[in-house]
Amino acid sequence: TFLAVDVARIHAINRSRSTGVLNVSVLRRFGDGTSRPVAAFVRGTISNDVQQRRDLEFARVSEGQAVYSIASFWYSAGQPYLFQIEVQADPEQGPFPLRFSHTLYPD
């Protein structure tokens, strides 16, 4: 519910107390200390504590210099979820795995 109505509409995200949004942004760091957003291939899954697993469907969004991938998903309040994400920013290298868990509550 924290997502503004106009932003949700632009990106076709259903706003509800049981819909979560995952936003993945990839930055390439340069030798001079600066960084720049880059487009990356992102895929992943979400699973609950009884191993019910769903694929996350990411959509790439470009707004000016910003590039990110977003996925929305349904969740039950108070239940822990395991997110397993793979990010591949360079087609010459394998994907970078990310794994984290989080318990979600409505706003």
N, C-alpha and C. Protein backbone atom coordinates (compact mmCIF):
# COMPACT_ATOMS: atom_id res chain seq x y z
N THR A 1 0.82 -1.21 0.00
CA THR A 1 0.00 0.00 0.00
C THR A 1 0.85 1.26 0.00
N PHE A 2 2.16 1.15 0.25
CA PHE A 2 3.02 2.33 0.24
C PHE A 2 3.31 2.81 -1.18
N LEU A 3 3.05 1.97 -2.18
CA LEU A 3 3.31 2.32 -3.57
C LEU A 3 2.25 3.29 -4.05
N ALA A 4 2.67 4.43 -4.58
CA ALA A 4 1.72 5.44 -5.05
C ALA A 4 0.82 4.88 -6.15
N VAL A 5 -0.42 5.32 -6.16
CA VAL A 5 -1.41 4.83 -7.12
C VAL A 5 -0.93 5.02 -8.55
N ASP A 6 -0.39 6.20 -8.89
CA ASP A 6 0.03 6.44 -10.26
C ASP A 6 1.22 5.57 -10.66
N VAL A 7 2.14 5.31 -9.74
CA VAL A 7 3.28 4.43 -10.03
C VAL A 7 2.80 3.00 -10.24
N ALA A 8 1.90 2.54 -9.39
CA ALA A 8 1.35 1.19 -9.54
C ALA A 8 0.62 1.04 -10.88
N ARG A 9 -0.12 2.04 -11.26
CA ARG A 9 -0.86 1.99 -12.53
C ARG A 9 0.10 1.93 -13.72
N ILE A 10 1.13 2.76 -13.71
CA ILE A 10 2.10 2.79 -14.81
C ILE A 10 2.75 1.42 -15.01
N HIS A 11 3.06 0.73 -13.91
CA HIS A 11 3.78 -0.53 -13.98
C HIS A 11 2.88 -1.76 -13.83
N ALA A 12 1.56 -1.54 -13.88
CA ALA A 12 0.57 -2.62 -13.81
C ALA A 12 0.76 -3.49 -12.56
N ILE A 13 0.93 -2.84 -11.43
CA ILE A 13 1.07 -3.54 -10.16
C ILE A 13 -0.21 -3.37 -9.36
N ASN A 14 -0.77 -4.49 -8.92
CA ASN A 14 -1.97 -4.48 -8.11
C ASN A 14 -1.62 -4.03 -6.69
N ARG A 15 -2.24 -2.96 -6.23
CA ARG A 15 -2.01 -2.49 -4.86
C ARG A 15 -2.99 -3.20 -3.93
N SER A 16 -2.47 -3.92 -2.96
CA SER A 16 -3.32 -4.53 -1.94
C SER A 16 -2.47 -4.85 -0.72
N ARG A 17 -3.14 -5.16 0.36
CA ARG A 17 -2.45 -5.48 1.61
C ARG A 17 -1.77 -6.84 1.56
N SER A 18 -2.01 -7.62 0.52
CA SER A 18 -1.39 -8.94 0.42
C SER A 18 -0.51 -9.07 -0.83
N THR A 19 -0.14 -7.93 -1.43
CA THR A 19 0.76 -7.94 -2.58
C THR A 19 2.07 -7.27 -2.21
N GLY A 20 3.15 -7.99 -2.41
CA GLY A 20 4.48 -7.45 -2.17
C GLY A 20 5.14 -7.12 -3.49
N VAL A 21 6.13 -6.25 -3.44
CA VAL A 21 6.89 -5.87 -4.63
C VAL A 21 8.37 -6.00 -4.32
N LEU A 22 9.10 -6.67 -5.22
CA LEU A 22 10.54 -6.80 -5.10
C LEU A 22 11.18 -5.98 -6.22
N ASN A 23 12.10 -5.10 -5.84
CA ASN A 23 12.77 -4.22 -6.79
C ASN A 23 14.26 -4.54 -6.77
N VAL A 24 14.83 -4.89 -7.93
CA VAL A 24 16.24 -5.22 -8.03
C VAL A 24 16.90 -4.22 -8.97
N SER A 25 17.92 -3.54 -8.47
CA SER A 25 18.67 -2.57 -9.26
C SER A 25 20.13 -2.99 -9.26
N VAL A 26 20.77 -2.95 -10.43
CA VAL A 26 22.16 -3.36 -10.55
C VAL A 26 22.99 -2.15 -10.97
N LEU A 27 24.07 -1.93 -10.24
CA LEU A 27 24.98 -0.83 -10.56
C LEU A 27 26.34 -1.40 -10.93
N ARG A 28 26.94 -0.84 -11.97
CA ARG A 28 28.31 -1.21 -12.33
C ARG A 28 29.22 -0.14 -11.76
N ARG A 29 30.19 -0.59 -10.99
CA ARG A 29 31.13 0.32 -10.35
C ARG A 29 32.39 0.44 -11.23
N PHE A 30 32.85 1.65 -11.41
CA PHE A 30 34.01 1.91 -12.24
C PHE A 30 35.22 2.22 -11.37
N GLY A 31 36.39 2.15 -11.97
CA GLY A 31 37.65 2.34 -11.25
C GLY A 31 37.77 3.69 -10.58
N ASP A 32 37.09 4.71 -11.10
CA ASP A 32 37.18 6.04 -10.50
C ASP A 32 36.22 6.24 -9.33
N GLY A 33 35.51 5.15 -8.94
CA GLY A 33 34.60 5.23 -7.80
C GLY A 33 33.16 5.56 -8.16
N THR A 34 32.92 5.90 -9.41
CA THR A 34 31.55 6.19 -9.82
C THR A 34 30.83 4.89 -10.17
N SER A 35 29.53 4.97 -10.24
CA SER A 35 28.74 3.80 -10.62
C SER A 35 27.63 4.25 -11.56
N ARG A 36 27.13 3.29 -12.34
CA ARG A 36 26.07 3.57 -13.30
C ARG A 36 25.12 2.38 -13.34
N PRO A 37 23.81 2.63 -13.41
CA PRO A 37 22.86 1.52 -13.51
C PRO A 37 23.03 0.78 -14.83
N VAL A 38 22.85 -0.53 -14.78
CA VAL A 38 22.93 -1.35 -15.99
C VAL A 38 21.73 -2.29 -16.05
N ALA A 39 21.33 -2.62 -17.26
CA ALA A 39 20.26 -3.60 -17.44
C ALA A 39 20.82 -4.99 -17.11
N ALA A 40 20.04 -5.79 -16.43
CA ALA A 40 20.48 -7.13 -16.05
C ALA A 40 19.32 -8.10 -16.24
N PHE A 41 19.66 -9.35 -16.47
CA PHE A 41 18.66 -10.41 -16.52
C PHE A 41 18.44 -10.86 -15.08
N VAL A 42 17.19 -10.83 -14.63
CA VAL A 42 16.87 -11.20 -13.25
C VAL A 42 15.77 -12.26 -13.27
N ARG A 43 15.98 -13.31 -12.51
CA ARG A 43 14.94 -14.33 -12.34
C ARG A 43 15.00 -14.80 -10.90
N GLY A 44 13.91 -15.42 -10.46
CA GLY A 44 13.92 -15.88 -9.09
C GLY A 44 12.64 -16.57 -8.68
N THR A 45 12.66 -17.05 -7.45
CA THR A 45 11.51 -17.73 -6.88
C THR A 45 11.29 -17.21 -5.47
N ILE A 46 10.08 -17.44 -4.99
CA ILE A 46 9.72 -17.16 -3.61
C ILE A 46 9.08 -18.43 -3.07
N SER A 47 9.44 -18.81 -1.84
CA SER A 47 8.83 -20.01 -1.25
C SER A 47 8.53 -19.75 0.21
N ASN A 48 7.49 -20.44 0.70
CA ASN A 48 7.11 -20.27 2.10
C ASN A 48 7.72 -21.40 2.93
N ASP A 49 7.38 -21.44 4.21
CA ASP A 49 8.00 -22.42 5.12
C ASP A 49 7.53 -23.85 4.90
N VAL A 50 6.51 -24.08 4.07
CA VAL A 50 6.09 -25.45 3.75
C VAL A 50 6.48 -25.80 2.31
N GLN A 51 7.48 -25.08 1.80
CA GLN A 51 8.09 -25.33 0.50
C GLN A 51 7.17 -25.12 -0.70
N GLN A 52 6.11 -24.34 -0.53
CA GLN A 52 5.31 -23.95 -1.69
C GLN A 52 6.10 -22.87 -2.41
N ARG A 53 6.38 -23.11 -3.66
CA ARG A 53 7.31 -22.26 -4.42
C ARG A 53 6.63 -21.67 -5.64
N ARG A 54 6.93 -20.39 -5.89
CA ARG A 54 6.39 -19.71 -7.08
C ARG A 54 7.51 -18.95 -7.78
N ASP A 55 7.42 -18.92 -9.10
CA ASP A 55 8.36 -18.12 -9.87
C ASP A 55 7.99 -16.65 -9.75
N LEU A 56 9.00 -15.81 -9.68
CA LEU A 56 8.79 -14.37 -9.72
C LEU A 56 8.95 -13.92 -11.17
N GLU A 57 8.03 -13.12 -11.65
CA GLU A 57 8.09 -12.63 -13.03
C GLU A 57 8.55 -11.18 -13.00
N PHE A 58 9.79 -10.97 -13.37
CA PHE A 58 10.37 -9.63 -13.33
C PHE A 58 10.12 -8.89 -14.64
N ALA A 59 9.86 -7.61 -14.50
CA ALA A 59 9.72 -6.71 -15.65
C ALA A 59 10.80 -5.65 -15.53
N ARG A 60 11.48 -5.37 -16.63
CA ARG A 60 12.52 -4.34 -16.62
C ARG A 60 11.90 -2.97 -16.82
N VAL A 61 12.34 -2.02 -16.02
CA VAL A 61 11.84 -0.65 -16.08
C VAL A 61 13.03 0.28 -16.27
N SER A 62 12.90 1.20 -17.21
CA SER A 62 13.91 2.23 -17.43
C SER A 62 13.25 3.58 -17.28
N GLU A 63 13.78 4.38 -16.39
CA GLU A 63 13.27 5.74 -16.17
C GLU A 63 14.47 6.67 -16.12
N GLY A 64 14.69 7.40 -17.22
CA GLY A 64 15.87 8.25 -17.28
C GLY A 64 17.12 7.38 -17.21
N GLN A 65 18.00 7.69 -16.26
CA GLN A 65 19.23 6.91 -16.07
C GLN A 65 18.98 5.61 -15.29
N ALA A 66 17.87 5.55 -14.56
CA ALA A 66 17.59 4.40 -13.70
C ALA A 66 17.13 3.19 -14.51
N VAL A 67 17.63 2.02 -14.13
CA VAL A 67 17.21 0.76 -14.72
C VAL A 67 17.01 -0.22 -13.56
N TYR A 68 15.85 -0.84 -13.50
CA TYR A 68 15.61 -1.81 -12.45
C TYR A 68 14.61 -2.86 -12.91
N SER A 69 14.53 -3.93 -12.16
CA SER A 69 13.60 -5.03 -12.45
C SER A 69 12.67 -5.17 -11.27
N ILE A 70 11.36 -5.26 -11.55
CA ILE A 70 10.39 -5.38 -10.47
C ILE A 70 9.54 -6.63 -10.68
N ALA A 71 9.15 -7.23 -9.57
CA ALA A 71 8.24 -8.37 -9.58
C ALA A 71 7.27 -8.20 -8.43
N SER A 72 6.01 -8.47 -8.68
CA SER A 72 5.03 -8.44 -7.59
C SER A 72 4.65 -9.88 -7.26
N PHE A 73 4.19 -10.08 -6.03
CA PHE A 73 3.85 -11.43 -5.57
C PHE A 73 2.82 -11.32 -4.46
N TRP A 74 2.05 -12.36 -4.30
CA TRP A 74 1.05 -12.46 -3.24
C TRP A 74 1.73 -13.06 -2.02
N TYR A 75 1.33 -12.60 -0.81
CA TYR A 75 1.88 -13.18 0.41
C TYR A 75 0.83 -13.20 1.51
N SER A 76 1.08 -14.05 2.50
CA SER A 76 0.26 -14.11 3.71
C SER A 76 1.01 -13.40 4.82
N ALA A 77 0.34 -12.50 5.51
CA ALA A 77 0.97 -11.71 6.56
C ALA A 77 1.54 -12.59 7.66
N GLY A 78 2.75 -12.25 8.11
CA GLY A 78 3.37 -12.95 9.22
C GLY A 78 4.06 -14.24 8.86
N GLN A 79 4.04 -14.61 7.61
CA GLN A 79 4.67 -15.86 7.19
C GLN A 79 6.06 -15.57 6.62
N PRO A 80 7.08 -16.34 7.03
CA PRO A 80 8.41 -16.11 6.48
C PRO A 80 8.50 -16.63 5.04
N TYR A 81 9.21 -15.90 4.20
CA TYR A 81 9.41 -16.29 2.80
C TYR A 81 10.89 -16.31 2.48
N LEU A 82 11.26 -17.26 1.64
CA LEU A 82 12.63 -17.38 1.15
C LEU A 82 12.64 -16.89 -0.29
N PHE A 83 13.50 -15.92 -0.58
CA PHE A 83 13.67 -15.39 -1.93
C PHE A 83 14.99 -15.94 -2.47
N GLN A 84 14.94 -16.53 -3.65
CA GLN A 84 16.14 -17.01 -4.32
C GLN A 84 16.19 -16.33 -5.68
N ILE A 85 17.18 -15.46 -5.85
CA ILE A 85 17.26 -14.60 -7.02
C ILE A 85 18.58 -14.86 -7.74
N GLU A 86 18.55 -14.80 -9.07
CA GLU A 86 19.78 -14.82 -9.87
C GLU A 86 19.81 -13.56 -10.71
N VAL A 87 20.95 -12.88 -10.69
CA VAL A 87 21.14 -11.64 -11.44
C VAL A 87 22.33 -11.84 -12.37
N GLN A 88 22.11 -11.57 -13.65
CA GLN A 88 23.20 -11.68 -14.62
C GLN A 88 23.30 -10.36 -15.38
N ALA A 89 24.31 -9.58 -15.01
CA ALA A 89 24.50 -8.26 -15.64
C ALA A 89 25.42 -8.35 -16.85
N ASP A 90 26.25 -9.37 -16.89
CA ASP A 90 27.21 -9.53 -17.99
C ASP A 90 26.99 -10.88 -18.63
N PRO A 91 26.62 -10.91 -19.93
CA PRO A 91 26.36 -12.20 -20.58
C PRO A 91 27.60 -13.09 -20.68
N GLU A 92 28.78 -12.52 -20.47
CA GLU A 92 30.03 -13.29 -20.52
C GLU A 92 30.32 -13.98 -19.19
N GLN A 93 29.55 -13.65 -18.15
CA GLN A 93 29.76 -14.25 -16.84
C GLN A 93 28.48 -14.93 -16.38
N GLY A 94 28.62 -15.87 -15.49
CA GLY A 94 27.46 -16.56 -14.95
C GLY A 94 26.64 -15.67 -14.05
N PRO A 95 25.45 -16.12 -13.68
CA PRO A 95 24.59 -15.31 -12.81
C PRO A 95 25.14 -15.25 -11.38
N PHE A 96 24.80 -14.16 -10.71
CA PHE A 96 25.16 -13.96 -9.31
C PHE A 96 23.95 -14.35 -8.46
N PRO A 97 24.09 -15.32 -7.57
CA PRO A 97 22.94 -15.74 -6.76
C PRO A 97 22.76 -14.86 -5.52
N LEU A 98 21.52 -14.56 -5.22
CA LEU A 98 21.14 -13.87 -4.00
C LEU A 98 20.10 -14.73 -3.30
N ARG A 99 20.24 -14.84 -2.01
CA ARG A 99 19.27 -15.63 -1.24
C ARG A 99 19.04 -14.92 0.08
N PHE A 100 17.78 -14.66 0.39
CA PHE A 100 17.46 -14.02 1.65
C PHE A 100 16.06 -14.41 2.06
N SER A 101 15.78 -14.29 3.35
CA SER A 101 14.43 -14.58 3.85
C SER A 101 13.90 -13.33 4.53
N HIS A 102 12.58 -13.23 4.52
CA HIS A 102 11.94 -12.06 5.10
C HIS A 102 10.51 -12.42 5.49
N THR A 103 10.08 -11.94 6.63
CA THR A 103 8.69 -12.09 7.04
C THR A 103 7.97 -10.80 6.69
N LEU A 104 6.87 -10.92 5.99
CA LEU A 104 6.17 -9.74 5.45
C LEU A 104 4.89 -9.46 6.23
N TYR A 105 4.63 -8.17 6.41
CA TYR A 105 3.41 -7.69 7.06
C TYR A 105 2.83 -6.55 6.24
N PRO A 106 1.52 -6.41 6.20
CA PRO A 106 0.96 -5.27 5.46
C PRO A 106 1.29 -3.95 6.15
N ASP A 107 1.30 -2.91 5.37
CA ASP A 107 1.61 -1.56 5.85
C ASP A 107 0.50 -1.06 6.74
